[in-house]
Amino acid sequence: MAMVEQHKVHCLVEKGPRASEPPLDLVQLLQMIESAKSLVPPTMMRLEPKE
């Protein structure tokens, strides 16, 4: 994750309508990570021991 964030900072789009935004490959990767993070809490709730 640290390397992805570094890449995001150092490889910003310089020109065009997407100026100052991360490259599209990172946009897809970050969206996929966010969706994966949303799956963690429900999974952890199911794994908790029942009382």
C-alpha atoms as a PDB file:
ATOM      1  CA  MET A   1       0.000   0.000   0.000  1.00  0.00           C
ATOM      2  CA  ALA A   2       2.832   2.386   0.793  1.00  0.00           C
ATOM      3  CA  MET A   3       4.313   1.865  -2.658  1.00  0.00           C
ATOM      4  CA  VAL A   4       0.922   2.477  -4.299  1.00  0.00           C
ATOM      5  CA  GLU A   5       0.580   5.749  -2.405  1.00  0.00           C
ATOM      6  CA  GLN A   6       4.109   6.775  -3.406  1.00  0.00           C
ATOM      7  CA  HIS A   7       3.341   5.984  -7.043  1.00  0.00           C
ATOM      8  CA  LYS A   8       0.118   8.000  -6.747  1.00  0.00           C
ATOM      9  CA  VAL A   9       2.030  11.047  -5.484  1.00  0.00           C
ATOM     10  CA  HIS A  10       4.946  10.884  -7.914  1.00  0.00           C
ATOM     11  CA  CYS A  11       3.051   9.944 -11.096  1.00  0.00           C
ATOM     12  CA  LEU A  12       0.282  12.514 -11.299  1.00  0.00           C
ATOM     13  CA  VAL A  13      -1.216  13.342 -14.685  1.00  0.00           C
ATOM     14  CA  GLU A  14       0.322  16.657 -15.756  1.00  0.00           C
ATOM     15  CA  LYS A  15      -1.890  17.793 -18.642  1.00  0.00           C
ATOM     16  CA  GLY A  16      -5.436  17.565 -19.904  1.00  0.00           C
ATOM     17  CA  PRO A  17      -8.763  17.256 -18.139  1.00  0.00           C
ATOM     18  CA  ARG A  18      -7.314  14.840 -15.563  1.00  0.00           C
ATOM     19  CA  ALA A  19      -4.452  17.157 -14.494  1.00  0.00           C
ATOM     20  CA  SER A  20      -3.321  16.602 -10.874  1.00  0.00           C
ATOM     21  CA  GLU A  21      -5.091  13.223 -10.682  1.00  0.00           C
ATOM     22  CA  PRO A  22      -3.504   9.796 -10.241  1.00  0.00           C
ATOM     23  CA  PRO A  23      -2.979   7.606 -13.336  1.00  0.00           C
ATOM     24  CA  LEU A  24      -5.949   5.468 -14.402  1.00  0.00           C
ATOM     25  CA  ASP A  25      -4.214   2.222 -13.399  1.00  0.00           C
ATOM     26  CA  LEU A  26      -4.055   3.505  -9.835  1.00  0.00           C
ATOM     27  CA  VAL A  27      -7.633   4.731  -9.902  1.00  0.00           C
ATOM     28  CA  GLN A  28      -8.813   1.203 -10.700  1.00  0.00           C
ATOM     29  CA  LEU A  29      -6.531  -0.338  -8.071  1.00  0.00           C
ATOM     30  CA  LEU A  30      -7.651   2.081  -5.363  1.00  0.00           C
ATOM     31  CA  GLN A  31     -11.335   1.488  -6.209  1.00  0.00           C
ATOM     32  CA  MET A  32     -10.804  -2.268  -5.962  1.00  0.00           C
ATOM     33  CA  ILE A  33      -9.059  -1.898  -2.584  1.00  0.00           C
ATOM     34  CA  GLU A  34     -11.898   0.287  -1.271  1.00  0.00           C
ATOM     35  CA  SER A  35     -14.496  -2.286  -2.332  1.00  0.00           C
ATOM     36  CA  ALA A  36     -12.460  -5.063  -0.705  1.00  0.00           C
ATOM     37  CA  LYS A  37     -12.218  -3.027   2.503  1.00  0.00           C
ATOM     38  CA  SER A  38     -16.004  -2.771   2.596  1.00  0.00           C
ATOM     39  CA  LEU A  39     -16.213  -6.587   2.702  1.00  0.00           C
ATOM     40  CA  VAL A  40     -14.029  -6.957   5.798  1.00  0.00           C
ATOM     41  CA  PRO A  41     -16.423  -5.739   8.564  1.00  0.00           C
ATOM     42  CA  PRO A  42     -19.355  -8.016   7.583  1.00  0.00           C
ATOM     43  CA  THR A  43     -16.990 -10.972   7.304  1.00  0.00           C
ATOM     44  CA  MET A  44     -15.490 -10.262  10.730  1.00  0.00           C
ATOM     45  CA  MET A  45     -18.988 -10.022  12.215  1.00  0.00           C
ATOM     46  CA  ARG A  46     -19.847 -13.463  10.850  1.00  0.00           C
ATOM     47  CA  LEU A  47     -16.643 -14.924  12.269  1.00  0.00           C
ATOM     48  CA  GLU A  48     -17.216 -13.595  15.809  1.00  0.00           C
ATOM     49  CA  PRO A  49     -18.120 -16.303  18.297  1.00  0.00           C
ATOM     50  CA  LYS A  50     -21.816 -16.448  19.111  1.00  0.00           C
ATOM     51  CA  GLU A  51     -22.839 -16.143  22.767  1.00  0.00           C
END
